[in-house]
Amino acid sequence: MMASQFVRKLTVFATRHRLKLLAVSCGGLFVTNAFCHVFPQRTYGKLYQAWSRGVPAQLSDKLQDTFQEVLKDAGVDSAQNYTAFAAFSFQPVSAGVPWLPAGVIVGIPVNFNSTDDEGKGITNRIVMINGRDINWDSEVGKALRESLTFSLDAQKFAIAREIKYLQSNSPVIYSLVGSVCLAGTYLTGVAAKQALGLYASPVLVRGFYNLVVAAMGLVGYFLLSDTVSHWLDYRSDHCTATISKNYAEGGIEFYDKVLARNRTFRFLLGKKGVEMYATNGNLFPKHWFRLKHAPYTSRKEMIENTLKDCWM
């Protein structure tokens, strides 16, 4: 009895203040999605920080200079809001919003210290795959070393695309997707319910309708989230490729080597690698209808078209 009264009161309260509750829910969802970009040092910084002998690894003077060059080439006005750190990853990562107090951080992989001649910065580190060390003198080891060794132009492109991604407020745009889908699903569901006259229907009918609307909203969120992510990826790559011809050529090399690296991982990881990577080096979707990031082959083709259109 008491439970039914509580549910009834809760329903009346939710109906009376539904727009306010919707606004609070959308705002809370946006804050949750954007939180890691509000405090990038405490989130992405700690997650991707590379370590060496128990202390955080430091970027070499060479990479610091490269980072400053890229900031200048990308047209960054407030360079003090951009901080680079040594990242434990195979390609650059980034987080933050330039106009917020915490600024942004860009993680540069330690393998960017390598040189084309000797692969230093890669071969002097232990890399374990499937519990075994990589033998850099083997054919597979040489192929992996080659795919992890980038020219200066490719390195600058990889760093610049992260800066362009942050410059264009991409984290804010992507964080809004969940809130937009939540508001859209609710408003569309209410409008359709009124049009169909379902408010006077039995509780079971209304409950089933609400479940269907929620399921459609969830699928819509997944599709819109991936679509926006792809658009942001392509936009960042295109903006970076238009900086100069060297950046465009560096972008083609960068994605060429990312695809080569993934093909090598496909071989090294065995069954797991076959499940994760396609034969061309693209990532397989983790879920059957989702592909969070744009395929590397498509991004490379887009840069090739940009090179032809802008610099040839």
C-alpha atoms as a PDB file:
ATOM      1  CA  MET A   1       0.000   0.000   0.000  1.00  0.00           C
ATOM      2  CA  MET A   2       2.735   2.410   1.019  1.00  0.00           C
ATOM      3  CA  ALA A   3       4.800   1.402  -2.005  1.00  0.00           C
ATOM      4  CA  SER A   4       1.922   2.075  -4.395  1.00  0.00           C
ATOM      5  CA  GLN A   5       1.308   5.472  -2.810  1.00  0.00           C
ATOM      6  CA  PHE A   6       5.000   6.331  -3.145  1.00  0.00           C
ATOM      7  CA  VAL A   7       4.979   5.320  -6.814  1.00  0.00           C
ATOM      8  CA  ARG A   8       1.827   7.378  -7.406  1.00  0.00           C
ATOM      9  CA  LYS A   9       3.360  10.453  -5.767  1.00  0.00           C
ATOM     10  CA  LEU A  10       6.581   9.967  -7.690  1.00  0.00           C
ATOM     11  CA  THR A  11       4.638   9.721 -10.951  1.00  0.00           C
ATOM     12  CA  VAL A  12       2.697  12.896 -10.181  1.00  0.00           C
ATOM     13  CA  PHE A  13       5.915  14.734  -9.289  1.00  0.00           C
ATOM     14  CA  ALA A  14       7.672  13.557 -12.459  1.00  0.00           C
ATOM     15  CA  THR A  15       4.699  14.572 -14.612  1.00  0.00           C
ATOM     16  CA  ARG A  16       4.456  17.996 -13.012  1.00  0.00           C
ATOM     17  CA  HIS A  17       8.180  18.761 -13.293  1.00  0.00           C
ATOM     18  CA  ARG A  18       9.096  16.672 -16.349  1.00  0.00           C
ATOM     19  CA  LEU A  19      10.724  19.491 -18.310  1.00  0.00           C
ATOM     20  CA  LYS A  20      12.857  20.497 -15.338  1.00  0.00           C
ATOM     21  CA  LEU A  21      13.847  16.876 -14.776  1.00  0.00           C
ATOM     22  CA  LEU A  22      14.673  16.537 -18.454  1.00  0.00           C
ATOM     23  CA  ALA A  23      16.890  19.628 -18.332  1.00  0.00           C
ATOM     24  CA  VAL A  24      18.691  18.391 -15.208  1.00  0.00           C
ATOM     25  CA  SER A  25      19.171  14.919 -16.737  1.00  0.00           C
ATOM     26  CA  CYS A  26      20.561  16.328 -19.979  1.00  0.00           C
ATOM     27  CA  GLY A  27      22.860  18.680 -18.088  1.00  0.00           C
ATOM     28  CA  GLY A  28      24.084  15.902 -15.822  1.00  0.00           C
ATOM     29  CA  LEU A  29      24.745  13.620 -18.790  1.00  0.00           C
ATOM     30  CA  PHE A  30      26.733  16.343 -20.555  1.00  0.00           C
ATOM     31  CA  VAL A  31      28.823  17.049 -17.442  1.00  0.00           C
ATOM     32  CA  THR A  32      29.512  13.323 -17.009  1.00  0.00           C
ATOM     33  CA  ASN A  33      30.685  12.939 -20.614  1.00  0.00           C
ATOM     34  CA  ALA A  34      32.781  16.115 -20.513  1.00  0.00           C
ATOM     35  CA  PHE A  35      34.305  15.585 -17.066  1.00  0.00           C
ATOM     36  CA  CYS A  36      37.528  13.981 -18.312  1.00  0.00           C
ATOM     37  CA  HIS A  37      38.111  17.004 -20.575  1.00  0.00           C
ATOM     38  CA  VAL A  38      37.518  19.517 -17.770  1.00  0.00           C
ATOM     39  CA  PHE A  39      40.333  17.986 -15.702  1.00  0.00           C
ATOM     40  CA  PRO A  40      42.534  16.346 -18.372  1.00  0.00           C
ATOM     41  CA  GLN A  41      45.635  16.077 -16.168  1.00  0.00           C
ATOM     42  CA  ARG A  42      43.749  14.042 -13.565  1.00  0.00           C
ATOM     43  CA  THR A  43      42.044  11.756 -16.058  1.00  0.00           C
ATOM     44  CA  TYR A  44      43.787  11.200 -19.397  1.00  0.00           C
ATOM     45  CA  GLY A  45      47.122  12.389 -18.023  1.00  0.00           C
ATOM     46  CA  LYS A  46      47.240   9.704 -15.349  1.00  0.00           C
ATOM     47  CA  LEU A  47      45.760   7.038 -17.610  1.00  0.00           C
ATOM     48  CA  TYR A  48      48.231   7.457 -20.482  1.00  0.00           C
ATOM     49  CA  GLN A  49      51.339   8.696 -18.660  1.00  0.00           C
ATOM     50  CA  ALA A  50      54.429   6.678 -19.624  1.00  0.00           C
ATOM     51  CA  TRP A  51      56.704   5.568 -16.799  1.00  0.00           C
ATOM     52  CA  SER A  52      60.398   4.815 -16.703  1.00  0.00           C
ATOM     53  CA  ARG A  53      62.044   3.140 -13.711  1.00  0.00           C
ATOM     54  CA  GLY A  54      59.211   4.051 -11.376  1.00  0.00           C
ATOM     55  CA  VAL A  55      58.945   7.743 -12.322  1.00  0.00           C
ATOM     56  CA  PRO A  56      56.956   9.542 -15.041  1.00  0.00           C
ATOM     57  CA  ALA A  57      58.856   9.559 -18.314  1.00  0.00           C
ATOM     58  CA  GLN A  58      59.838  12.947 -19.703  1.00  0.00           C
ATOM     59  CA  LEU A  59      59.649  14.080 -23.305  1.00  0.00           C
ATOM     60  CA  SER A  60      62.975  14.581 -25.004  1.00  0.00           C
ATOM     61  CA  ASP A  61      64.069  18.068 -26.041  1.00  0.00           C
ATOM     62  CA  LYS A  62      63.590  16.968 -29.647  1.00  0.00           C
ATOM     63  CA  LEU A  63      59.913  16.143 -29.113  1.00  0.00           C
ATOM     64  CA  GLN A  64      59.334  19.309 -27.085  1.00  0.00           C
ATOM     65  CA  ASP A  65      60.742  21.351 -29.954  1.00  0.00           C
ATOM     66  CA  THR A  66      58.597  19.425 -32.444  1.00  0.00           C
ATOM     67  CA  PHE A  67      55.523  20.069 -30.325  1.00  0.00           C
ATOM     68  CA  GLN A  68      56.211  23.819 -30.249  1.00  0.00           C
ATOM     69  CA  GLU A  69      56.712  23.833 -34.032  1.00  0.00           C
ATOM     70  CA  VAL A  70      53.389  22.092 -34.537  1.00  0.00           C
ATOM     71  CA  LEU A  71      51.602  24.573 -32.263  1.00  0.00           C
ATOM     72  CA  LYS A  72      52.995  27.408 -34.376  1.00  0.00           C
ATOM     73  CA  ASP A  73      52.065  25.698 -37.662  1.00  0.00           C
ATOM     74  CA  ALA A  74      48.540  24.979 -36.379  1.00  0.00           C
ATOM     75  CA  GLY A  75      48.015  28.652 -35.589  1.00  0.00           C
ATOM     76  CA  VAL A  76      47.639  28.233 -31.831  1.00  0.00           C
ATOM     77  CA  ASP A  77      47.508  31.652 -30.156  1.00  0.00           C
ATOM     78  CA  SER A  78      47.676  30.582 -26.497  1.00  0.00           C
ATOM     79  CA  ALA A  79      50.462  28.012 -26.523  1.00  0.00           C
ATOM     80  CA  GLN A  80      50.620  28.101 -22.719  1.00  0.00           C
ATOM     81  CA  ASN A  81      47.254  26.296 -22.625  1.00  0.00           C
ATOM     82  CA  TYR A  82      48.750  23.295 -24.430  1.00  0.00           C
ATOM     83  CA  THR A  83      50.919  20.812 -22.542  1.00  0.00           C
ATOM     84  CA  ALA A  84      52.708  17.795 -23.969  1.00  0.00           C
ATOM     85  CA  PHE A  85      53.611  14.669 -22.011  1.00  0.00           C
ATOM     86  CA  ALA A  86      55.151  11.260 -22.714  1.00  0.00           C
ATOM     87  CA  ALA A  87      52.313   8.846 -23.430  1.00  0.00           C
ATOM     88  CA  PHE A  88      52.148   5.086 -23.020  1.00  0.00           C
ATOM     89  CA  SER A  89      50.606   4.448 -26.428  1.00  0.00           C
ATOM     90  CA  PHE A  90      51.574   3.871 -30.040  1.00  0.00           C
ATOM     91  CA  GLN A  91      50.014   7.087 -31.368  1.00  0.00           C
ATOM     92  CA  PRO A  92      49.212  10.502 -29.872  1.00  0.00           C
ATOM     93  CA  VAL A  93      46.286  11.009 -27.479  1.00  0.00           C
ATOM     94  CA  SER A  94      44.701  14.234 -26.275  1.00  0.00           C
ATOM     95  CA  ALA A  95      42.104  15.654 -23.924  1.00  0.00           C
ATOM     96  CA  GLY A  96      40.816  18.989 -22.691  1.00  0.00           C
ATOM     97  CA  VAL A  97      39.214  22.180 -23.955  1.00  0.00           C
ATOM     98  CA  PRO A  98      41.584  25.063 -24.854  1.00  0.00           C
ATOM     99  CA  TRP A  99      39.476  27.842 -23.329  1.00  0.00           C
ATOM    100  CA  LEU A 100      38.985  26.144 -19.950  1.00  0.00           C
ATOM    101  CA  PRO A 101      41.384  26.906 -17.050  1.00  0.00           C
ATOM    102  CA  ALA A 102      42.995  23.451 -17.125  1.00  0.00           C
ATOM    103  CA  GLY A 103      43.788  23.797 -20.827  1.00  0.00           C
ATOM    104  CA  VAL A 104      44.591  20.720 -22.896  1.00  0.00           C
ATOM    105  CA  ILE A 105      47.155  17.947 -22.850  1.00  0.00           C
ATOM    106  CA  VAL A 106      48.643  16.052 -25.774  1.00  0.00           C
ATOM    107  CA  GLY A 107      50.299  12.714 -25.152  1.00  0.00           C
ATOM    108  CA  ILE A 108      53.197  11.971 -27.504  1.00  0.00           C
ATOM    109  CA  PRO A 109      54.295   8.313 -27.746  1.00  0.00           C
ATOM    110  CA  VAL A 110      57.814   7.509 -26.655  1.00  0.00           C
ATOM    111  CA  ASN A 111      58.403   5.685 -29.945  1.00  0.00           C
ATOM    112  CA  PHE A 112      58.411   9.123 -31.634  1.00  0.00           C
ATOM    113  CA  ASN A 113      61.953   9.403 -30.235  1.00  0.00           C
ATOM    114  CA  SER A 114      63.022   6.736 -32.703  1.00  0.00           C
ATOM    115  CA  THR A 115      65.154   7.453 -35.744  1.00  0.00           C
ATOM    116  CA  ASP A 116      64.667   6.125 -39.259  1.00  0.00           C
ATOM    117  CA  ASP A 117      68.187   4.709 -39.358  1.00  0.00           C
ATOM    118  CA  GLU A 118      68.394   2.609 -36.220  1.00  0.00           C
ATOM    119  CA  GLY A 119      64.928   2.518 -34.686  1.00  0.00           C
ATOM    120  CA  LYS A 120      66.268   3.826 -31.384  1.00  0.00           C
ATOM    121  CA  GLY A 121      63.479   4.606 -28.947  1.00  0.00           C
ATOM    122  CA  ILE A 122      61.819   1.335 -29.968  1.00  0.00           C
ATOM    123  CA  THR A 123      64.425  -1.403 -29.935  1.00  0.00           C
ATOM    124  CA  ASN A 124      65.821  -0.230 -26.594  1.00  0.00           C
ATOM    125  CA  ARG A 125      62.454  -0.930 -24.962  1.00  0.00           C
ATOM    126  CA  ILE A 126      60.863  -4.229 -24.030  1.00  0.00           C
ATOM    127  CA  VAL A 127      57.561  -4.854 -25.805  1.00  0.00           C
ATOM    128  CA  MET A 128      55.620  -7.950 -24.771  1.00  0.00           C
ATOM    129  CA  ILE A 129      52.785  -9.443 -26.815  1.00  0.00           C
ATOM    130  CA  ASN A 130      50.969 -12.553 -25.638  1.00  0.00           C
ATOM    131  CA  GLY A 131      53.449 -12.813 -22.774  1.00  0.00           C
ATOM    132  CA  ARG A 132      56.507 -12.934 -25.038  1.00  0.00           C
ATOM    133  CA  ASP A 133      59.164 -10.316 -25.777  1.00  0.00           C
ATOM    134  CA  ILE A 134      59.411  -9.046 -29.334  1.00  0.00           C
ATOM    135  CA  ASN A 135      62.600 -10.109 -31.079  1.00  0.00           C
ATOM    136  CA  TRP A 136      63.463  -6.966 -33.025  1.00  0.00           C
ATOM    137  CA  ASP A 137      65.877  -8.883 -35.273  1.00  0.00           C
ATOM    138  CA  SER A 138      63.178 -11.273 -36.533  1.00  0.00           C
ATOM    139  CA  GLU A 139      61.146 -10.568 -39.664  1.00  0.00           C
ATOM    140  CA  VAL A 140      58.055  -9.744 -37.603  1.00  0.00           C
ATOM    141  CA  GLY A 141      60.125  -7.584 -35.257  1.00  0.00           C
ATOM    142  CA  LYS A 142      61.594  -5.645 -38.158  1.00  0.00           C
ATOM    143  CA  ALA A 143      58.118  -5.140 -39.631  1.00  0.00           C
ATOM    144  CA  LEU A 144      56.787  -3.874 -36.282  1.00  0.00           C
ATOM    145  CA  ARG A 145      59.790  -1.571 -35.813  1.00  0.00           C
ATOM    146  CA  GLU A 146      59.276  -0.146 -39.298  1.00  0.00           C
ATOM    147  CA  SER A 147      55.588   0.504 -38.612  1.00  0.00           C
ATOM    148  CA  LEU A 148      56.424   2.306 -35.352  1.00  0.00           C
ATOM    149  CA  THR A 149      59.125   4.513 -36.893  1.00  0.00           C
ATOM    150  CA  PHE A 150      57.747   7.738 -38.344  1.00  0.00           C
ATOM    151  CA  SER A 151      59.370  10.525 -40.302  1.00  0.00           C
ATOM    152  CA  LEU A 152      59.273  14.043 -38.856  1.00  0.00           C
ATOM    153  CA  ASP A 153      56.401  15.004 -41.197  1.00  0.00           C
ATOM    154  CA  ALA A 154      54.335  12.005 -40.079  1.00  0.00           C
ATOM    155  CA  GLN A 155      55.022  12.793 -36.428  1.00  0.00           C
ATOM    156  CA  LYS A 156      54.010  16.412 -36.914  1.00  0.00           C
ATOM    157  CA  PHE A 157      50.803  15.380 -38.655  1.00  0.00           C
ATOM    158  CA  ALA A 158      49.878  12.961 -35.857  1.00  0.00           C
ATOM    159  CA  ILE A 159      50.442  15.637 -33.208  1.00  0.00           C
ATOM    160  CA  ALA A 160      48.764  18.389 -35.235  1.00  0.00           C
ATOM    161  CA  ARG A 161      45.576  16.393 -35.815  1.00  0.00           C
ATOM    162  CA  GLU A 162      45.138  16.076 -32.047  1.00  0.00           C
ATOM    163  CA  ILE A 163      45.618  19.826 -31.677  1.00  0.00           C
ATOM    164  CA  LYS A 164      43.124  20.533 -34.462  1.00  0.00           C
ATOM    165  CA  TYR A 165      40.675  18.142 -32.825  1.00  0.00           C
ATOM    166  CA  LEU A 166      40.878  20.103 -29.581  1.00  0.00           C
ATOM    167  CA  GLN A 167      40.969  23.523 -31.272  1.00  0.00           C
ATOM    168  CA  SER A 168      37.608  22.879 -32.917  1.00  0.00           C
ATOM    169  CA  ASN A 169      35.925  22.039 -29.579  1.00  0.00           C
ATOM    170  CA  SER A 170      35.396  18.440 -30.682  1.00  0.00           C
ATOM    171  CA  PRO A 171      35.275  17.104 -27.081  1.00  0.00           C
ATOM    172  CA  VAL A 172      32.414  19.505 -26.300  1.00  0.00           C
ATOM    173  CA  ILE A 173      30.519  18.567 -29.458  1.00  0.00           C
ATOM    174  CA  TYR A 174      30.917  14.843 -28.812  1.00  0.00           C
ATOM    175  CA  SER A 175      29.869  15.244 -25.165  1.00  0.00           C
ATOM    176  CA  LEU A 176      26.618  16.859 -26.296  1.00  0.00           C
ATOM    177  CA  VAL A 177      25.496  13.829 -28.294  1.00  0.00           C
ATOM    178  CA  GLY A 178      24.084  11.958 -25.305  1.00  0.00           C
ATOM    179  CA  SER A 179      22.110  14.967 -24.075  1.00  0.00           C
ATOM    180  CA  VAL A 180      20.710  15.681 -27.546  1.00  0.00           C
ATOM    181  CA  CYS A 181      19.597  12.071 -27.953  1.00  0.00           C
ATOM    182  CA  LEU A 182      18.023  11.968 -24.494  1.00  0.00           C
ATOM    183  CA  ALA A 183      16.038  15.172 -25.095  1.00  0.00           C
ATOM    184  CA  GLY A 184      15.097  14.130 -28.624  1.00  0.00           C
ATOM    185  CA  THR A 185      13.943  10.681 -27.522  1.00  0.00           C
ATOM    186  CA  TYR A 186      11.825  12.069 -24.695  1.00  0.00           C
ATOM    187  CA  LEU A 187      10.186  14.872 -26.690  1.00  0.00           C
ATOM    188  CA  THR A 188       9.545  12.635 -29.699  1.00  0.00           C
ATOM    189  CA  GLY A 189       8.134   9.920 -27.453  1.00  0.00           C
ATOM    190  CA  VAL A 190       5.779  12.337 -25.691  1.00  0.00           C
ATOM    191  CA  ALA A 191       4.600  13.862 -28.976  1.00  0.00           C
ATOM    192  CA  ALA A 192       3.958  10.443 -30.519  1.00  0.00           C
ATOM    193  CA  LYS A 193       2.143   9.250 -27.406  1.00  0.00           C
ATOM    194  CA  GLN A 194      -0.170  12.253 -27.527  1.00  0.00           C
ATOM    195  CA  ALA A 195      -0.784  11.862 -31.258  1.00  0.00           C
ATOM    196  CA  LEU A 196      -1.653   8.185 -30.829  1.00  0.00           C
ATOM    197  CA  GLY A 197      -3.819   8.842 -27.789  1.00  0.00           C
ATOM    198  CA  LEU A 198      -1.872   6.416 -25.621  1.00  0.00           C
ATOM    199  CA  TYR A 199      -2.206   8.423 -22.403  1.00  0.00           C
ATOM    200  CA  ALA A 200      -5.657   6.877 -21.904  1.00  0.00           C
ATOM    201  CA  SER A 201      -4.390   3.361 -22.707  1.00  0.00           C
ATOM    202  CA  PRO A 202      -3.832   0.603 -20.126  1.00  0.00           C
ATOM    203  CA  VAL A 203      -0.650   0.663 -18.052  1.00  0.00           C
ATOM    204  CA  LEU A 204       0.811  -2.360 -19.857  1.00  0.00           C
ATOM    205  CA  VAL A 205       0.360  -0.723 -23.248  1.00  0.00           C
ATOM    206  CA  ARG A 206       2.000   2.491 -22.085  1.00  0.00           C
ATOM    207  CA  GLY A 207       4.823   0.531 -20.432  1.00  0.00           C
ATOM    208  CA  PHE A 208       5.489  -1.450 -23.622  1.00  0.00           C
ATOM    209  CA  TYR A 209       5.444   1.784 -25.644  1.00  0.00           C
ATOM    210  CA  ASN A 210       7.948   3.400 -23.290  1.00  0.00           C
ATOM    211  CA  LEU A 211      10.285   0.400 -23.605  1.00  0.00           C
ATOM    212  CA  VAL A 212      10.115   0.569 -27.394  1.00  0.00           C
ATOM    213  CA  VAL A 213      10.850   4.315 -27.379  1.00  0.00           C
ATOM    214  CA  ALA A 214      13.766   3.814 -24.968  1.00  0.00           C
ATOM    215  CA  ALA A 215      15.225   1.036 -27.158  1.00  0.00           C
ATOM    216  CA  MET A 216      14.913   3.180 -30.272  1.00  0.00           C
ATOM    217  CA  GLY A 217      16.502   6.091 -28.451  1.00  0.00           C
ATOM    218  CA  LEU A 218      19.448   3.910 -27.404  1.00  0.00           C
ATOM    219  CA  VAL A 219      20.007   2.666 -30.940  1.00  0.00           C
ATOM    220  CA  GLY A 220      19.713   6.246 -32.190  1.00  0.00           C
ATOM    221  CA  TYR A 221      22.342   7.325 -29.675  1.00  0.00           C
ATOM    222  CA  PHE A 222      24.790   4.663 -30.846  1.00  0.00           C
ATOM    223  CA  LEU A 223      24.291   5.601 -34.498  1.00  0.00           C
ATOM    224  CA  LEU A 224      24.506   9.360 -33.922  1.00  0.00           C
ATOM    225  CA  SER A 225      27.511   8.966 -31.595  1.00  0.00           C
ATOM    226  CA  ASP A 226      29.457   7.013 -34.212  1.00  0.00           C
ATOM    227  CA  THR A 227      28.410   9.387 -37.008  1.00  0.00           C
ATOM    228  CA  VAL A 228      29.573  12.442 -35.059  1.00  0.00           C
ATOM    229  CA  SER A 229      32.822  10.687 -34.105  1.00  0.00           C
ATOM    230  CA  HIS A 230      33.539   9.872 -37.760  1.00  0.00           C
ATOM    231  CA  TRP A 231      32.781  13.452 -38.810  1.00  0.00           C
ATOM    232  CA  LEU A 232      35.099  14.855 -36.148  1.00  0.00           C
ATOM    233  CA  ASP A 233      37.879  12.446 -37.210  1.00  0.00           C
ATOM    234  CA  TYR A 234      37.571  13.395 -40.874  1.00  0.00           C
ATOM    235  CA  ARG A 235      37.368  17.111 -40.068  1.00  0.00           C
ATOM    236  CA  SER A 236      40.521  16.999 -37.918  1.00  0.00           C
ATOM    237  CA  ASP A 237      42.442  15.075 -40.568  1.00  0.00           C
ATOM    238  CA  HIS A 238      41.310  17.431 -43.331  1.00  0.00           C
ATOM    239  CA  CYS A 239      42.179  20.584 -41.366  1.00  0.00           C
ATOM    240  CA  THR A 240      45.615  19.160 -40.566  1.00  0.00           C
ATOM    241  CA  ALA A 241      46.291  18.137 -44.157  1.00  0.00           C
ATOM    242  CA  THR A 242      45.541  21.691 -45.338  1.00  0.00           C
ATOM    243  CA  ILE A 243      48.305  23.207 -43.170  1.00  0.00           C
ATOM    244  CA  SER A 244      50.928  22.398 -45.780  1.00  0.00           C
ATOM    245  CA  LYS A 245      51.888  19.817 -48.373  1.00  0.00           C
ATOM    246  CA  ASN A 246      54.373  18.256 -45.945  1.00  0.00           C
ATOM    247  CA  TYR A 247      51.613  17.719 -43.398  1.00  0.00           C
ATOM    248  CA  ALA A 248      49.389  16.056 -46.016  1.00  0.00           C
ATOM    249  CA  GLU A 249      52.194  13.737 -47.110  1.00  0.00           C
ATOM    250  CA  GLY A 250      52.982  13.043 -43.456  1.00  0.00           C
ATOM    251  CA  GLY A 251      49.343  12.102 -42.890  1.00  0.00           C
ATOM    252  CA  ILE A 252      49.434   9.541 -45.685  1.00  0.00           C
ATOM    253  CA  GLU A 253      52.601   8.026 -44.243  1.00  0.00           C
ATOM    254  CA  PHE A 254      51.136   8.038 -40.736  1.00  0.00           C
ATOM    255  CA  TYR A 255      48.040   6.064 -41.682  1.00  0.00           C
ATOM    256  CA  ASP A 256      50.073   3.770 -43.940  1.00  0.00           C
ATOM    257  CA  LYS A 257      52.186   2.790 -40.948  1.00  0.00           C
ATOM    258  CA  VAL A 258      49.210   2.535 -38.585  1.00  0.00           C
ATOM    259  CA  LEU A 259      47.646   0.034 -40.994  1.00  0.00           C
ATOM    260  CA  ALA A 260      50.955  -1.845 -41.283  1.00  0.00           C
ATOM    261  CA  ARG A 261      51.252  -1.945 -37.475  1.00  0.00           C
ATOM    262  CA  ASN A 262      47.764  -3.356 -37.129  1.00  0.00           C
ATOM    263  CA  ARG A 263      48.453  -6.031 -39.734  1.00  0.00           C
ATOM    264  CA  THR A 264      51.541  -7.020 -37.755  1.00  0.00           C
ATOM    265  CA  PHE A 265      49.515  -7.121 -34.542  1.00  0.00           C
ATOM    266  CA  ARG A 266      46.950  -9.307 -36.298  1.00  0.00           C
ATOM    267  CA  PHE A 267      49.705 -11.844 -36.912  1.00  0.00           C
ATOM    268  CA  LEU A 268      51.355 -11.561 -33.487  1.00  0.00           C
ATOM    269  CA  LEU A 269      48.132 -11.804 -31.469  1.00  0.00           C
ATOM    270  CA  GLY A 270      46.923 -14.939 -33.203  1.00  0.00           C
ATOM    271  CA  LYS A 271      43.201 -15.640 -32.799  1.00  0.00           C
ATOM    272  CA  LYS A 272      42.640 -12.453 -30.813  1.00  0.00           C
ATOM    273  CA  GLY A 273      44.381 -10.444 -33.522  1.00  0.00           C
ATOM    274  CA  VAL A 274      42.120 -11.932 -36.206  1.00  0.00           C
ATOM    275  CA  GLU A 275      39.108 -10.842 -34.140  1.00  0.00           C
ATOM    276  CA  MET A 276      40.442  -7.302 -33.603  1.00  0.00           C
ATOM    277  CA  TYR A 277      42.034  -6.386 -36.952  1.00  0.00           C
ATOM    278  CA  ALA A 278      40.974  -6.793 -40.572  1.00  0.00           C
ATOM    279  CA  THR A 279      43.442  -8.003 -43.184  1.00  0.00           C
ATOM    280  CA  ASN A 280      43.898  -4.415 -44.430  1.00  0.00           C
ATOM    281  CA  GLY A 281      44.722  -3.133 -40.927  1.00  0.00           C
ATOM    282  CA  ASN A 282      41.396  -1.536 -40.023  1.00  0.00           C
ATOM    283  CA  LEU A 283      39.844  -2.216 -36.631  1.00  0.00           C
ATOM    284  CA  PHE A 284      36.852  -4.503 -36.459  1.00  0.00           C
ATOM    285  CA  PRO A 285      33.832  -3.075 -34.591  1.00  0.00           C
ATOM    286  CA  LYS A 286      33.640  -4.165 -30.961  1.00  0.00           C
ATOM    287  CA  HIS A 287      29.868  -4.471 -31.390  1.00  0.00           C
ATOM    288  CA  TRP A 288      28.090  -5.701 -34.501  1.00  0.00           C
ATOM    289  CA  PHE A 289      26.454  -2.365 -35.398  1.00  0.00           C
ATOM    290  CA  ARG A 290      29.006   0.088 -33.961  1.00  0.00           C
ATOM    291  CA  LEU A 291      32.234   1.542 -35.339  1.00  0.00           C
ATOM    292  CA  LYS A 292      33.347   4.336 -33.030  1.00  0.00           C
ATOM    293  CA  HIS A 293      36.136   5.778 -35.177  1.00  0.00           C
ATOM    294  CA  ALA A 294      36.405   6.272 -38.911  1.00  0.00           C
ATOM    295  CA  PRO A 295      38.308   3.473 -40.726  1.00  0.00           C
ATOM    296  CA  TYR A 296      41.988   4.214 -41.207  1.00  0.00           C
ATOM    297  CA  THR A 297      41.797   3.353 -44.919  1.00  0.00           C
ATOM    298  CA  SER A 298      39.033   5.944 -45.443  1.00  0.00           C
ATOM    299  CA  ARG A 299      40.973   8.575 -43.540  1.00  0.00           C
ATOM    300  CA  LYS A 300      44.063   7.919 -45.628  1.00  0.00           C
ATOM    301  CA  GLU A 301      42.035   8.183 -48.853  1.00  0.00           C
ATOM    302  CA  MET A 302      40.530  11.478 -47.685  1.00  0.00           C
ATOM    303  CA  ILE A 303      44.015  12.905 -47.065  1.00  0.00           C
ATOM    304  CA  GLU A 304      45.172  11.688 -50.487  1.00  0.00           C
ATOM    305  CA  ASN A 305      42.238  13.558 -52.045  1.00  0.00           C
ATOM    306  CA  THR A 306      43.066  16.647 -49.981  1.00  0.00           C
ATOM    307  CA  LEU A 307      46.675  16.480 -51.195  1.00  0.00           C
ATOM    308  CA  LYS A 308      45.515  16.366 -54.830  1.00  0.00           C
ATOM    309  CA  ASP A 309      42.963  19.145 -54.395  1.00  0.00           C
ATOM    310  CA  CYS A 310      45.033  21.570 -52.322  1.00  0.00           C
ATOM    311  CA  TRP A 311      48.686  20.960 -53.113  1.00  0.00           C
ATOM    312  CA  MET A 312      48.888  19.586 -56.680  1.00  0.00           C
END
